[in-house]
Amino acid sequence: MKAFKTHKGIVAPLDLANVDTDMIIPKQFLKAINRTGFGPYLFDEMRYEDEGWYGKDCSKRPLKKDFPLNQPRYQGTSILLARENFGCGSSREHAPWALDDYGIRVIIAPSYADIFYNNCFKNGMLPIILDKELVSGLFAEVAAQEGYELDVDLENQAITTPSGRVIPFELDSFRKHCLLEGLDEIGLTLQSVDKIRAFEVGHRQRQPWMFDAVR
């Protein structure tokens, strides 16, 4: 998993509450499970005029010009600004896969669905929770300034705006450690690989009958 320490990027606003995982990546894309290649289909039904499916060439698909990610000023965005209850609905991990594959490293919202929130950390993304009024203020600043960027410092748990204003955010220490070190659940387990091997050897010695060939 990619480690996360600091990130500076263009912010794109998605001014909608209760954006569910089917909006993030529609159900027809769930047939694929290879974790990559979902970026072109992120927010598929909101981005494109036609119907999409996994493997479809998106380079010539008709775009909905009013959708933020289709607008020139938000090209290259890597920080998504959203409203409350982002990522609600089903628990599909394809949603953070699509965001990550598109290039999103940070999401800022007042609240998230629990499973989506946890899945973001497992995929190396940082979902930040800020007060609703603070988020509304950021929406106003993004709208007023083209190329609006935020500087996110995970170690110090701080966001710096273009004006130099510093906005602190909260994050539990375990999730912070995992992101800083680039550790998903498999990575955490592999940190104890020597202890696991020692246990397996001891287990075989203590209970050898469990490992006899079945006759």
N, C-alpha and C. Protein backbone atom coordinates (compact mmCIF):
# COMPACT_ATOMS: atom_id res chain seq x y z
N MET A 1 0.83 -1.20 0.00
CA MET A 1 0.00 0.00 0.00
C MET A 1 0.87 1.25 0.00
N LYS A 2 0.43 2.28 -0.69
CA LYS A 2 1.17 3.53 -0.73
C LYS A 2 1.16 4.23 0.63
N ALA A 3 2.34 4.65 1.06
CA ALA A 3 2.41 5.43 2.30
C ALA A 3 1.88 6.84 2.05
N PHE A 4 1.35 7.46 3.07
CA PHE A 4 0.85 8.82 2.98
C PHE A 4 1.52 9.64 4.07
N LYS A 5 2.21 10.71 3.66
CA LYS A 5 2.84 11.60 4.63
C LYS A 5 2.33 13.03 4.43
N THR A 6 2.62 13.60 3.27
CA THR A 6 2.08 14.92 2.94
C THR A 6 1.55 14.86 1.51
N HIS A 7 0.62 15.75 1.22
CA HIS A 7 0.09 15.80 -0.14
C HIS A 7 -0.43 17.21 -0.42
N LYS A 8 -0.08 17.72 -1.59
CA LYS A 8 -0.61 19.00 -2.05
C LYS A 8 -1.28 18.78 -3.39
N GLY A 9 -2.53 19.25 -3.52
CA GLY A 9 -3.22 19.00 -4.77
C GLY A 9 -4.40 19.92 -5.00
N ILE A 10 -4.87 19.90 -6.24
CA ILE A 10 -6.04 20.67 -6.64
C ILE A 10 -7.28 20.05 -6.02
N VAL A 11 -8.19 20.90 -5.58
CA VAL A 11 -9.42 20.44 -4.94
C VAL A 11 -10.58 20.54 -5.92
N ALA A 12 -11.36 19.45 -6.02
CA ALA A 12 -12.58 19.46 -6.82
C ALA A 12 -13.78 19.34 -5.88
N PRO A 13 -14.81 20.16 -6.07
CA PRO A 13 -15.97 20.11 -5.18
C PRO A 13 -17.06 19.18 -5.72
N LEU A 14 -17.61 18.37 -4.85
CA LEU A 14 -18.79 17.56 -5.19
C LEU A 14 -19.86 17.96 -4.18
N ASP A 15 -20.65 18.94 -4.57
CA ASP A 15 -21.57 19.58 -3.64
C ASP A 15 -22.88 18.79 -3.51
N LEU A 16 -22.75 17.57 -3.02
CA LEU A 16 -23.90 16.69 -2.83
C LEU A 16 -23.75 15.95 -1.51
N ALA A 17 -24.82 15.82 -0.76
CA ALA A 17 -24.83 15.00 0.44
C ALA A 17 -25.29 13.59 0.08
N ASN A 18 -24.93 12.63 0.92
CA ASN A 18 -25.38 11.24 0.77
C ASN A 18 -24.98 10.63 -0.57
N VAL A 19 -23.78 10.91 -1.01
CA VAL A 19 -23.27 10.27 -2.23
C VAL A 19 -22.97 8.81 -1.89
N ASP A 20 -23.71 7.90 -2.52
CA ASP A 20 -23.54 6.49 -2.16
C ASP A 20 -22.54 5.80 -3.08
N THR A 21 -22.20 4.56 -2.72
CA THR A 21 -21.17 3.85 -3.46
C THR A 21 -21.61 3.49 -4.87
N ASP A 22 -22.92 3.40 -5.12
CA ASP A 22 -23.39 3.13 -6.48
C ASP A 22 -23.22 4.36 -7.37
N MET A 23 -23.23 5.53 -6.78
CA MET A 23 -22.93 6.74 -7.53
C MET A 23 -21.42 6.83 -7.80
N ILE A 24 -20.63 6.41 -6.82
CA ILE A 24 -19.17 6.46 -6.98
C ILE A 24 -18.72 5.49 -8.06
N ILE A 25 -19.22 4.26 -8.02
CA ILE A 25 -18.91 3.27 -9.05
C ILE A 25 -20.15 2.38 -9.22
N PRO A 26 -20.90 2.55 -10.30
CA PRO A 26 -22.16 1.82 -10.49
C PRO A 26 -22.00 0.30 -10.50
N LYS A 27 -23.11 -0.36 -10.28
CA LYS A 27 -23.13 -1.81 -10.04
C LYS A 27 -22.57 -2.64 -11.19
N GLN A 28 -22.67 -2.17 -12.44
CA GLN A 28 -22.21 -2.99 -13.56
C GLN A 28 -20.69 -3.18 -13.58
N PHE A 29 -19.99 -2.40 -12.78
CA PHE A 29 -18.54 -2.52 -12.75
C PHE A 29 -18.04 -3.49 -11.68
N LEU A 30 -18.96 -4.05 -10.91
CA LEU A 30 -18.56 -4.93 -9.82
C LEU A 30 -18.13 -6.32 -10.29
N LYS A 31 -18.31 -6.61 -11.57
CA LYS A 31 -17.89 -7.90 -12.10
C LYS A 31 -16.37 -8.04 -12.09
N ALA A 32 -15.67 -6.93 -12.17
CA ALA A 32 -14.21 -6.95 -12.18
C ALA A 32 -13.70 -6.81 -10.74
N ILE A 33 -12.64 -7.56 -10.40
CA ILE A 33 -12.13 -7.55 -9.03
C ILE A 33 -10.62 -7.35 -8.98
N ASN A 34 -10.06 -6.73 -10.02
CA ASN A 34 -8.60 -6.61 -10.08
C ASN A 34 -8.07 -5.33 -9.46
N ARG A 35 -8.92 -4.53 -8.81
CA ARG A 35 -8.55 -3.34 -8.04
C ARG A 35 -8.08 -2.16 -8.88
N THR A 36 -7.69 -2.35 -10.12
CA THR A 36 -7.20 -1.25 -10.95
C THR A 36 -8.08 -1.12 -12.19
N GLY A 37 -7.95 0.04 -12.84
CA GLY A 37 -8.69 0.26 -14.08
C GLY A 37 -10.06 0.87 -13.90
N PHE A 38 -10.42 1.23 -12.66
CA PHE A 38 -11.76 1.77 -12.41
C PHE A 38 -11.82 3.30 -12.49
N GLY A 39 -10.67 3.95 -12.55
CA GLY A 39 -10.65 5.41 -12.56
C GLY A 39 -11.49 6.06 -13.65
N PRO A 40 -11.43 5.56 -14.90
CA PRO A 40 -12.25 6.17 -15.96
C PRO A 40 -13.74 6.07 -15.71
N TYR A 41 -14.16 5.16 -14.82
CA TYR A 41 -15.59 4.94 -14.58
C TYR A 41 -16.06 5.55 -13.26
N LEU A 42 -15.17 6.28 -12.60
CA LEU A 42 -15.54 6.96 -11.36
C LEU A 42 -16.70 7.91 -11.61
N PHE A 43 -17.75 7.84 -10.79
CA PHE A 43 -18.96 8.67 -10.95
C PHE A 43 -19.53 8.53 -12.37
N ASP A 44 -19.49 7.33 -12.89
CA ASP A 44 -19.81 7.11 -14.31
C ASP A 44 -21.13 7.73 -14.75
N GLU A 45 -22.18 7.50 -14.01
CA GLU A 45 -23.49 8.00 -14.44
C GLU A 45 -23.60 9.52 -14.33
N MET A 46 -22.78 10.12 -13.49
CA MET A 46 -22.79 11.58 -13.36
C MET A 46 -21.83 12.24 -14.34
N ARG A 47 -20.82 11.50 -14.81
CA ARG A 47 -19.80 12.08 -15.70
C ARG A 47 -20.15 11.98 -17.17
N TYR A 48 -20.86 10.90 -17.54
CA TYR A 48 -21.07 10.63 -18.97
C TYR A 48 -22.55 10.65 -19.33
N GLU A 49 -22.80 10.98 -20.61
CA GLU A 49 -24.16 11.01 -21.12
C GLU A 49 -24.67 9.61 -21.47
N ASP A 50 -23.75 8.71 -21.81
CA ASP A 50 -24.16 7.37 -22.23
C ASP A 50 -23.91 6.35 -21.12
N GLU A 51 -24.29 5.11 -21.37
CA GLU A 51 -24.10 4.04 -20.39
C GLU A 51 -22.70 3.46 -20.49
N GLY A 52 -22.10 3.19 -19.36
CA GLY A 52 -20.76 2.63 -19.35
C GLY A 52 -20.72 1.20 -18.86
N TRP A 53 -19.65 0.50 -19.19
CA TRP A 53 -19.40 -0.84 -18.67
C TRP A 53 -17.90 -1.04 -18.60
N TYR A 54 -17.48 -1.99 -17.76
CA TYR A 54 -16.05 -2.21 -17.57
C TYR A 54 -15.42 -2.67 -18.88
N GLY A 55 -14.35 -2.00 -19.28
CA GLY A 55 -13.67 -2.29 -20.54
C GLY A 55 -14.05 -1.34 -21.65
N LYS A 56 -15.07 -0.53 -21.46
CA LYS A 56 -15.49 0.42 -22.49
C LYS A 56 -14.49 1.56 -22.56
N ASP A 57 -14.14 1.96 -23.79
CA ASP A 57 -13.23 3.07 -24.02
C ASP A 57 -13.95 4.38 -23.68
N CYS A 58 -13.43 5.08 -22.67
CA CYS A 58 -14.08 6.31 -22.22
C CYS A 58 -13.54 7.56 -22.91
N SER A 59 -12.53 7.40 -23.75
CA SER A 59 -11.86 8.57 -24.33
C SER A 59 -12.76 9.38 -25.27
N LYS A 60 -13.77 8.72 -25.83
CA LYS A 60 -14.65 9.44 -26.77
C LYS A 60 -16.10 9.46 -26.31
N ARG A 61 -16.32 9.13 -25.06
CA ARG A 61 -17.69 9.15 -24.54
C ARG A 61 -18.16 10.58 -24.33
N PRO A 62 -19.44 10.87 -24.57
CA PRO A 62 -19.95 12.24 -24.36
C PRO A 62 -20.02 12.58 -22.87
N LEU A 63 -19.47 13.74 -22.53
CA LEU A 63 -19.37 14.15 -21.14
C LEU A 63 -20.51 15.08 -20.73
N LYS A 64 -20.88 15.02 -19.47
CA LYS A 64 -21.80 15.99 -18.90
C LYS A 64 -20.96 17.17 -18.43
N LYS A 65 -21.06 18.27 -19.15
CA LYS A 65 -20.14 19.38 -18.96
C LYS A 65 -20.28 20.08 -17.62
N ASP A 66 -21.43 19.92 -16.96
CA ASP A 66 -21.60 20.60 -15.67
C ASP A 66 -21.05 19.81 -14.50
N PHE A 67 -20.59 18.58 -14.75
CA PHE A 67 -20.04 17.79 -13.65
C PHE A 67 -18.63 18.27 -13.36
N PRO A 68 -18.29 18.52 -12.08
CA PRO A 68 -17.00 19.14 -11.75
C PRO A 68 -15.77 18.46 -12.36
N LEU A 69 -15.70 17.14 -12.30
CA LEU A 69 -14.50 16.46 -12.79
C LEU A 69 -14.33 16.57 -14.30
N ASN A 70 -15.36 17.03 -14.99
CA ASN A 70 -15.26 17.22 -16.44
C ASN A 70 -14.86 18.65 -16.81
N GLN A 71 -14.81 19.54 -15.84
CA GLN A 71 -14.51 20.93 -16.12
C GLN A 71 -13.00 21.17 -16.14
N PRO A 72 -12.51 21.98 -17.08
CA PRO A 72 -11.06 22.20 -17.22
C PRO A 72 -10.38 22.65 -15.93
N ARG A 73 -11.05 23.47 -15.12
CA ARG A 73 -10.41 24.02 -13.93
C ARG A 73 -10.10 22.95 -12.87
N TYR A 74 -10.76 21.79 -12.97
CA TYR A 74 -10.54 20.74 -11.98
C TYR A 74 -9.76 19.55 -12.52
N GLN A 75 -9.18 19.70 -13.70
CA GLN A 75 -8.38 18.60 -14.23
C GLN A 75 -7.11 18.42 -13.39
N GLY A 76 -6.75 17.18 -13.16
CA GLY A 76 -5.58 16.88 -12.33
C GLY A 76 -5.87 16.92 -10.85
N THR A 77 -7.15 16.97 -10.49
CA THR A 77 -7.49 17.03 -9.06
C THR A 77 -7.07 15.77 -8.34
N SER A 78 -6.68 15.93 -7.09
CA SER A 78 -6.33 14.78 -6.25
C SER A 78 -6.93 14.89 -4.85
N ILE A 79 -7.72 15.95 -4.63
CA ILE A 79 -8.42 16.14 -3.36
C ILE A 79 -9.89 16.39 -3.67
N LEU A 80 -10.75 15.59 -3.07
CA LEU A 80 -12.19 15.71 -3.32
C LEU A 80 -12.86 16.30 -2.09
N LEU A 81 -13.64 17.36 -2.31
CA LEU A 81 -14.40 18.01 -1.25
C LEU A 81 -15.86 17.60 -1.38
N ALA A 82 -16.43 17.05 -0.32
CA ALA A 82 -17.78 16.50 -0.40
C ALA A 82 -18.60 16.93 0.81
N ARG A 83 -19.87 16.56 0.76
CA ARG A 83 -20.78 16.86 1.86
C ARG A 83 -20.96 15.64 2.77
N GLU A 84 -21.90 15.72 3.69
CA GLU A 84 -22.03 14.72 4.72
C GLU A 84 -22.47 13.35 4.18
N ASN A 85 -22.12 12.31 4.95
CA ASN A 85 -22.49 10.93 4.68
C ASN A 85 -21.95 10.43 3.35
N PHE A 86 -20.74 10.81 3.02
CA PHE A 86 -20.14 10.39 1.76
C PHE A 86 -19.81 8.89 1.84
N GLY A 87 -20.10 8.17 0.76
CA GLY A 87 -19.78 6.74 0.69
C GLY A 87 -20.82 5.85 1.34
N CYS A 88 -22.04 6.33 1.50
CA CYS A 88 -23.09 5.50 2.10
C CYS A 88 -23.55 4.44 1.09
N GLY A 89 -24.49 3.61 1.50
CA GLY A 89 -24.98 2.56 0.61
C GLY A 89 -24.26 1.25 0.84
N SER A 90 -24.01 0.52 -0.23
CA SER A 90 -23.40 -0.81 -0.09
C SER A 90 -21.94 -0.69 0.31
N SER A 91 -21.38 -1.82 0.75
CA SER A 91 -20.02 -1.82 1.30
C SER A 91 -18.95 -2.10 0.25
N ARG A 92 -19.27 -2.01 -1.02
CA ARG A 92 -18.33 -2.38 -2.09
C ARG A 92 -17.00 -1.63 -1.98
N GLU A 93 -15.91 -2.38 -2.00
CA GLU A 93 -14.59 -1.77 -1.95
C GLU A 93 -14.20 -1.18 -3.30
N HIS A 94 -14.98 -1.47 -4.34
CA HIS A 94 -14.73 -0.88 -5.65
C HIS A 94 -14.79 0.65 -5.59
N ALA A 95 -15.53 1.20 -4.63
CA ALA A 95 -15.65 2.66 -4.53
C ALA A 95 -14.30 3.32 -4.23
N PRO A 96 -13.60 2.93 -3.17
CA PRO A 96 -12.26 3.50 -2.98
C PRO A 96 -11.28 3.09 -4.07
N TRP A 97 -11.45 1.91 -4.66
CA TRP A 97 -10.58 1.52 -5.77
C TRP A 97 -10.70 2.53 -6.91
N ALA A 98 -11.93 2.91 -7.23
CA ALA A 98 -12.16 3.85 -8.34
C ALA A 98 -11.59 5.23 -8.02
N LEU A 99 -11.80 5.69 -6.80
CA LEU A 99 -11.25 7.00 -6.40
C LEU A 99 -9.73 6.99 -6.46
N ASP A 100 -9.14 5.94 -5.93
CA ASP A 100 -7.68 5.83 -5.93
C ASP A 100 -7.13 5.74 -7.34
N ASP A 101 -7.77 4.95 -8.20
CA ASP A 101 -7.29 4.79 -9.57
C ASP A 101 -7.42 6.09 -10.36
N TYR A 102 -8.41 6.90 -10.01
CA TYR A 102 -8.57 8.21 -10.66
C TYR A 102 -7.45 9.16 -10.25
N GLY A 103 -6.93 8.98 -9.04
CA GLY A 103 -5.86 9.86 -8.55
C GLY A 103 -6.22 10.62 -7.29
N ILE A 104 -7.36 10.30 -6.67
CA ILE A 104 -7.76 10.97 -5.43
C ILE A 104 -6.95 10.41 -4.27
N ARG A 105 -6.28 11.29 -3.53
CA ARG A 105 -5.51 10.87 -2.35
C ARG A 105 -6.16 11.32 -1.05
N VAL A 106 -6.96 12.39 -1.13
CA VAL A 106 -7.58 12.95 0.07
C VAL A 106 -9.05 13.25 -0.22
N ILE A 107 -9.91 12.93 0.74
CA ILE A 107 -11.32 13.32 0.68
C ILE A 107 -11.60 14.13 1.95
N ILE A 108 -12.33 15.21 1.79
CA ILE A 108 -12.70 16.05 2.93
C ILE A 108 -14.22 16.15 2.96
N ALA A 109 -14.81 15.79 4.08
CA ALA A 109 -16.27 15.83 4.22
C ALA A 109 -16.63 15.92 5.71
N PRO A 110 -17.87 16.32 6.02
CA PRO A 110 -18.28 16.38 7.43
C PRO A 110 -18.47 14.99 8.05
N SER A 111 -18.81 14.00 7.23
CA SER A 111 -19.01 12.65 7.75
C SER A 111 -18.99 11.65 6.61
N TYR A 112 -18.76 10.38 6.98
CA TYR A 112 -18.68 9.29 6.01
C TYR A 112 -19.47 8.09 6.52
N ALA A 113 -19.86 7.21 5.60
CA ALA A 113 -20.36 5.90 6.00
C ALA A 113 -19.17 5.11 6.57
N ASP A 114 -19.41 4.34 7.63
CA ASP A 114 -18.32 3.70 8.36
C ASP A 114 -17.49 2.77 7.50
N ILE A 115 -18.13 1.89 6.73
CA ILE A 115 -17.38 0.90 5.95
C ILE A 115 -16.55 1.59 4.88
N PHE A 116 -17.13 2.56 4.19
CA PHE A 116 -16.37 3.30 3.19
C PHE A 116 -15.18 4.00 3.83
N TYR A 117 -15.40 4.61 4.97
CA TYR A 117 -14.33 5.32 5.69
C TYR A 117 -13.16 4.38 5.98
N ASN A 118 -13.47 3.20 6.50
CA ASN A 118 -12.42 2.23 6.80
C ASN A 118 -11.73 1.73 5.53
N ASN A 119 -12.50 1.53 4.46
CA ASN A 119 -11.91 1.04 3.20
C ASN A 119 -10.94 2.05 2.59
N CYS A 120 -11.15 3.33 2.83
CA CYS A 120 -10.23 4.34 2.31
C CYS A 120 -8.83 4.13 2.89
N PHE A 121 -8.74 3.91 4.18
CA PHE A 121 -7.44 3.70 4.81
C PHE A 121 -6.76 2.45 4.28
N LYS A 122 -7.54 1.42 4.00
CA LYS A 122 -6.98 0.17 3.49
C LYS A 122 -6.42 0.33 2.08
N ASN A 123 -6.79 1.43 1.41
CA ASN A 123 -6.32 1.67 0.05
C ASN A 123 -5.42 2.90 -0.05
N GLY A 124 -4.90 3.34 1.08
CA GLY A 124 -3.90 4.41 1.08
C GLY A 124 -4.43 5.81 0.89
N MET A 125 -5.75 6.00 1.06
CA MET A 125 -6.33 7.33 0.96
C MET A 125 -6.63 7.88 2.34
N LEU A 126 -6.65 9.20 2.44
CA LEU A 126 -6.91 9.87 3.71
C LEU A 126 -8.28 10.55 3.67
N PRO A 127 -9.28 10.00 4.36
CA PRO A 127 -10.57 10.68 4.48
C PRO A 127 -10.57 11.57 5.72
N ILE A 128 -10.69 12.85 5.51
CA ILE A 128 -10.62 13.82 6.62
C ILE A 128 -12.03 14.27 6.99
N ILE A 129 -12.30 14.30 8.29
CA ILE A 129 -13.58 14.79 8.79
C ILE A 129 -13.39 16.20 9.34
N LEU A 130 -14.16 17.14 8.79
CA LEU A 130 -14.13 18.52 9.27
C LEU A 130 -15.54 18.97 9.61
N ASP A 131 -15.63 19.95 10.46
CA ASP A 131 -16.91 20.53 10.83
C ASP A 131 -17.66 21.01 9.58
N LYS A 132 -18.97 20.87 9.61
CA LYS A 132 -19.81 21.20 8.46
C LYS A 132 -19.60 22.63 7.99
N GLU A 133 -19.47 23.56 8.92
CA GLU A 133 -19.28 24.97 8.55
C GLU A 133 -17.91 25.19 7.89
N LEU A 134 -16.89 24.49 8.38
CA LEU A 134 -15.57 24.58 7.76
C LEU A 134 -15.61 24.05 6.33
N VAL A 135 -16.31 22.95 6.13
CA VAL A 135 -16.43 22.38 4.78
C VAL A 135 -17.16 23.36 3.86
N SER A 136 -18.22 23.99 4.35
CA SER A 136 -18.94 24.97 3.54
C SER A 136 -18.03 26.13 3.17
N GLY A 137 -17.19 26.56 4.10
CA GLY A 137 -16.24 27.63 3.80
C GLY A 137 -15.25 27.23 2.73
N LEU A 138 -14.79 25.99 2.75
CA LEU A 138 -13.88 25.50 1.72
C LEU A 138 -14.56 25.45 0.36
N PHE A 139 -15.84 25.05 0.33
CA PHE A 139 -16.58 25.06 -0.94
C PHE A 139 -16.59 26.47 -1.53
N ALA A 140 -16.82 27.46 -0.69
CA ALA A 140 -16.85 28.85 -1.17
C ALA A 140 -15.49 29.28 -1.70
N GLU A 141 -14.42 28.90 -1.02
CA GLU A 141 -13.08 29.27 -1.46
C GLU A 141 -12.71 28.58 -2.77
N VAL A 142 -13.07 27.32 -2.91
CA VAL A 142 -12.79 26.58 -4.15
C VAL A 142 -13.52 27.24 -5.32
N ALA A 143 -14.77 27.63 -5.12
CA ALA A 143 -15.55 28.26 -6.19
C ALA A 143 -14.96 29.60 -6.60
N ALA A 144 -14.36 30.31 -5.64
CA ALA A 144 -13.86 31.66 -5.91
C ALA A 144 -12.48 31.68 -6.54
N GLN A 145 -11.74 30.60 -6.46
CA GLN A 145 -10.35 30.61 -6.93
C GLN A 145 -10.06 29.40 -7.81
N GLU A 146 -9.81 29.63 -9.07
CA GLU A 146 -9.45 28.54 -9.97
C GLU A 146 -8.06 28.01 -9.60
N GLY A 147 -7.91 26.70 -9.68
CA GLY A 147 -6.64 26.09 -9.31
C GLY A 147 -6.41 26.04 -7.82
N TYR A 148 -7.49 26.09 -7.05
CA TYR A 148 -7.40 26.09 -5.59
C TYR A 148 -6.75 24.80 -5.12
N GLU A 149 -5.69 24.93 -4.29
CA GLU A 149 -4.96 23.78 -3.79
C GLU A 149 -4.93 23.79 -2.27
N LEU A 150 -4.88 22.60 -1.72
CA LEU A 150 -4.69 22.44 -0.28
C LEU A 150 -3.43 21.61 -0.05
N ASP A 151 -2.75 21.93 1.05
CA ASP A 151 -1.56 21.19 1.46
C ASP A 151 -1.91 20.40 2.71
N VAL A 152 -1.85 19.07 2.61
CA VAL A 152 -2.27 18.21 3.71
C VAL A 152 -1.04 17.55 4.33
N ASP A 153 -0.90 17.72 5.63
CA ASP A 153 0.23 17.16 6.38
C ASP A 153 -0.33 16.17 7.39
N LEU A 154 -0.15 14.87 7.11
CA LEU A 154 -0.70 13.85 8.00
C LEU A 154 0.03 13.81 9.33
N GLU A 155 1.34 13.92 9.31
CA GLU A 155 2.12 13.83 10.55
C GLU A 155 1.64 14.87 11.57
N ASN A 156 1.41 16.09 11.11
CA ASN A 156 0.97 17.17 11.99
C ASN A 156 -0.54 17.36 12.01
N GLN A 157 -1.25 16.51 11.24
CA GLN A 157 -2.70 16.55 11.16
C GLN A 157 -3.21 17.97 10.91
N ALA A 158 -2.74 18.52 9.80
CA ALA A 158 -3.07 19.91 9.47
C ALA A 158 -3.27 20.09 7.97
N ILE A 159 -4.22 20.95 7.62
CA ILE A 159 -4.47 21.36 6.24
C ILE A 159 -4.12 22.83 6.13
N THR A 160 -3.34 23.18 5.11
CA THR A 160 -2.99 24.58 4.89
C THR A 160 -3.64 25.06 3.60
N THR A 161 -4.37 26.17 3.68
CA THR A 161 -5.06 26.74 2.53
C THR A 161 -4.12 27.67 1.77
N PRO A 162 -4.50 28.10 0.55
CA PRO A 162 -3.64 29.02 -0.21
C PRO A 162 -3.35 30.32 0.53
N SER A 163 -4.24 30.74 1.42
CA SER A 163 -4.01 31.98 2.17
C SER A 163 -3.08 31.78 3.36
N GLY A 164 -2.70 30.53 3.64
CA GLY A 164 -1.83 30.25 4.77
C GLY A 164 -2.57 29.84 6.03
N ARG A 165 -3.89 29.81 5.98
CA ARG A 165 -4.67 29.40 7.14
C ARG A 165 -4.46 27.91 7.39
N VAL A 166 -4.26 27.55 8.63
CA VAL A 166 -4.04 26.16 9.00
C VAL A 166 -5.29 25.60 9.68
N ILE A 167 -5.78 24.49 9.14
CA ILE A 167 -6.97 23.83 9.69
C ILE A 167 -6.56 22.48 10.26
N PRO A 168 -6.64 22.28 11.56
CA PRO A 168 -6.29 20.98 12.14
C PRO A 168 -7.41 19.96 11.92
N PHE A 169 -7.04 18.70 11.91
CA PHE A 169 -8.06 17.64 11.82
C PHE A 169 -7.68 16.51 12.76
N GLU A 170 -8.69 15.76 13.17
CA GLU A 170 -8.50 14.65 14.11
C GLU A 170 -8.38 13.33 13.35
N LEU A 171 -7.59 12.43 13.90
CA LEU A 171 -7.45 11.08 13.34
C LEU A 171 -6.89 10.17 14.41
N ASP A 172 -7.46 8.97 14.55
CA ASP A 172 -6.96 8.09 15.60
C ASP A 172 -5.56 7.61 15.26
N SER A 173 -4.79 7.32 16.29
CA SER A 173 -3.36 7.06 16.15
C SER A 173 -3.06 5.80 15.34
N PHE A 174 -3.91 4.78 15.44
CA PHE A 174 -3.65 3.53 14.72
C PHE A 174 -3.77 3.75 13.21
N ARG A 175 -4.84 4.39 12.77
CA ARG A 175 -5.01 4.66 11.33
C ARG A 175 -3.89 5.57 10.82
N LYS A 176 -3.53 6.54 11.62
CA LYS A 176 -2.45 7.44 11.23
C LYS A 176 -1.14 6.67 11.04
N HIS A 177 -0.81 5.80 11.98
CA HIS A 177 0.40 5.00 11.88
C HIS A 177 0.40 4.15 10.60
N CYS A 178 -0.72 3.49 10.33
CA CYS A 178 -0.80 2.62 9.15
C CYS A 178 -0.60 3.41 7.86
N LEU A 179 -1.21 4.58 7.76
CA LEU A 179 -1.04 5.40 6.55
C LEU A 179 0.39 5.90 6.41
N LEU A 180 0.95 6.38 7.50
CA LEU A 180 2.33 6.89 7.44
C LEU A 180 3.32 5.81 7.01
N GLU A 181 3.07 4.59 7.45
CA GLU A 181 3.98 3.48 7.15
C GLU A 181 3.57 2.70 5.90
N GLY A 182 2.41 3.02 5.32
CA GLY A 182 1.95 2.29 4.14
C GLY A 182 1.57 0.86 4.45
N LEU A 183 0.88 0.66 5.56
CA LEU A 183 0.54 -0.69 6.01
C LEU A 183 -0.95 -0.95 5.90
N ASP A 184 -1.31 -1.93 5.08
CA ASP A 184 -2.68 -2.44 5.11
C ASP A 184 -2.71 -3.63 6.05
N GLU A 185 -3.82 -4.39 6.07
CA GLU A 185 -3.93 -5.50 7.01
C GLU A 185 -2.89 -6.59 6.74
N ILE A 186 -2.61 -6.82 5.46
CA ILE A 186 -1.59 -7.81 5.12
C ILE A 186 -0.22 -7.33 5.57
N GLY A 187 0.08 -6.06 5.34
CA GLY A 187 1.36 -5.50 5.76
C GLY A 187 1.54 -5.57 7.27
N LEU A 188 0.46 -5.30 8.01
CA LEU A 188 0.54 -5.39 9.46
C LEU A 188 0.83 -6.82 9.90
N THR A 189 0.18 -7.77 9.25
CA THR A 189 0.41 -9.18 9.59
C THR A 189 1.84 -9.60 9.30
N LEU A 190 2.37 -9.15 8.16
CA LEU A 190 3.73 -9.54 7.78
C LEU A 190 4.79 -8.98 8.72
N GLN A 191 4.46 -7.96 9.50
CA GLN A 191 5.41 -7.46 10.48
C GLN A 191 5.69 -8.50 11.57
N SER A 192 4.78 -9.44 11.72
CA SER A 192 4.94 -10.49 12.73
C SER A 192 5.26 -11.83 12.10
N VAL A 193 5.82 -11.83 10.90
CA VAL A 193 6.03 -13.09 10.18
C VAL A 193 6.95 -14.04 10.95
N ASP A 194 7.97 -13.53 11.64
CA ASP A 194 8.87 -14.40 12.39
C ASP A 194 8.14 -15.08 13.55
N LYS A 195 7.28 -14.34 14.22
CA LYS A 195 6.50 -14.92 15.32
C LYS A 195 5.51 -15.95 14.79
N ILE A 196 4.93 -15.68 13.63
CA ILE A 196 3.99 -16.62 13.03
C ILE A 196 4.70 -17.93 12.66
N ARG A 197 5.88 -17.82 12.08
CA ARG A 197 6.64 -19.01 11.72
C ARG A 197 7.05 -19.80 12.96
N ALA A 198 7.47 -19.08 14.01
CA ALA A 198 7.86 -19.76 15.25
C ALA A 198 6.68 -20.49 15.87
N PHE A 199 5.51 -19.87 15.81
CA PHE A 199 4.30 -20.52 16.33
C PHE A 199 3.99 -21.78 15.54
N GLU A 200 4.09 -21.71 14.21
CA GLU A 200 3.80 -22.87 13.37
C GLU A 200 4.74 -24.04 13.70
N VAL A 201 6.02 -23.73 13.89
CA VAL A 201 6.99 -24.77 14.22
C VAL A 201 6.65 -25.39 15.57
N GLY A 202 6.40 -24.55 16.57
CA GLY A 202 6.06 -25.03 17.90
C GLY A 202 4.76 -25.81 17.91
N HIS A 203 3.79 -25.34 17.15
CA HIS A 203 2.49 -26.02 17.07
C HIS A 203 2.65 -27.43 16.51
N ARG A 204 3.47 -27.56 15.49
CA ARG A 204 3.72 -28.87 14.89
C ARG A 204 4.43 -29.81 15.89
N GLN A 205 5.34 -29.22 16.70
CA GLN A 205 6.07 -30.04 17.68
C GLN A 205 5.16 -30.47 18.84
N ARG A 206 4.29 -29.56 19.27
CA ARG A 206 3.43 -29.86 20.41
C ARG A 206 2.29 -30.82 20.05
N GLN A 207 1.79 -30.71 18.83
CA GLN A 207 0.64 -31.51 18.41
C GLN A 207 0.91 -32.15 17.04
N PRO A 208 1.90 -33.01 16.96
CA PRO A 208 2.30 -33.57 15.66
C PRO A 208 1.19 -34.38 15.00
N TRP A 209 0.29 -34.95 15.82
CA TRP A 209 -0.78 -35.78 15.24
C TRP A 209 -1.72 -34.99 14.33
N MET A 210 -1.75 -33.69 14.52
CA MET A 210 -2.62 -32.86 13.68
C MET A 210 -2.08 -32.71 12.26
N PHE A 211 -0.79 -33.06 12.07
CA PHE A 211 -0.16 -32.85 10.79
C PHE A 211 0.15 -34.17 10.08
N ASP A 212 -0.27 -35.30 10.67
CA ASP A 212 -0.06 -36.58 10.01
C ASP A 212 -0.89 -36.65 8.75
N ALA A 213 -0.39 -37.36 7.77
CA ALA A 213 -1.14 -37.56 6.54
C ALA A 213 -2.40 -38.35 6.83
N VAL A 214 -3.49 -37.96 6.22
CA VAL A 214 -4.75 -38.67 6.38
C VAL A 214 -4.68 -40.00 5.65
N ARG A 215 -5.00 -41.10 6.37
CA ARG A 215 -4.95 -42.43 5.75
C ARG A 215 -6.37 -42.90 5.45
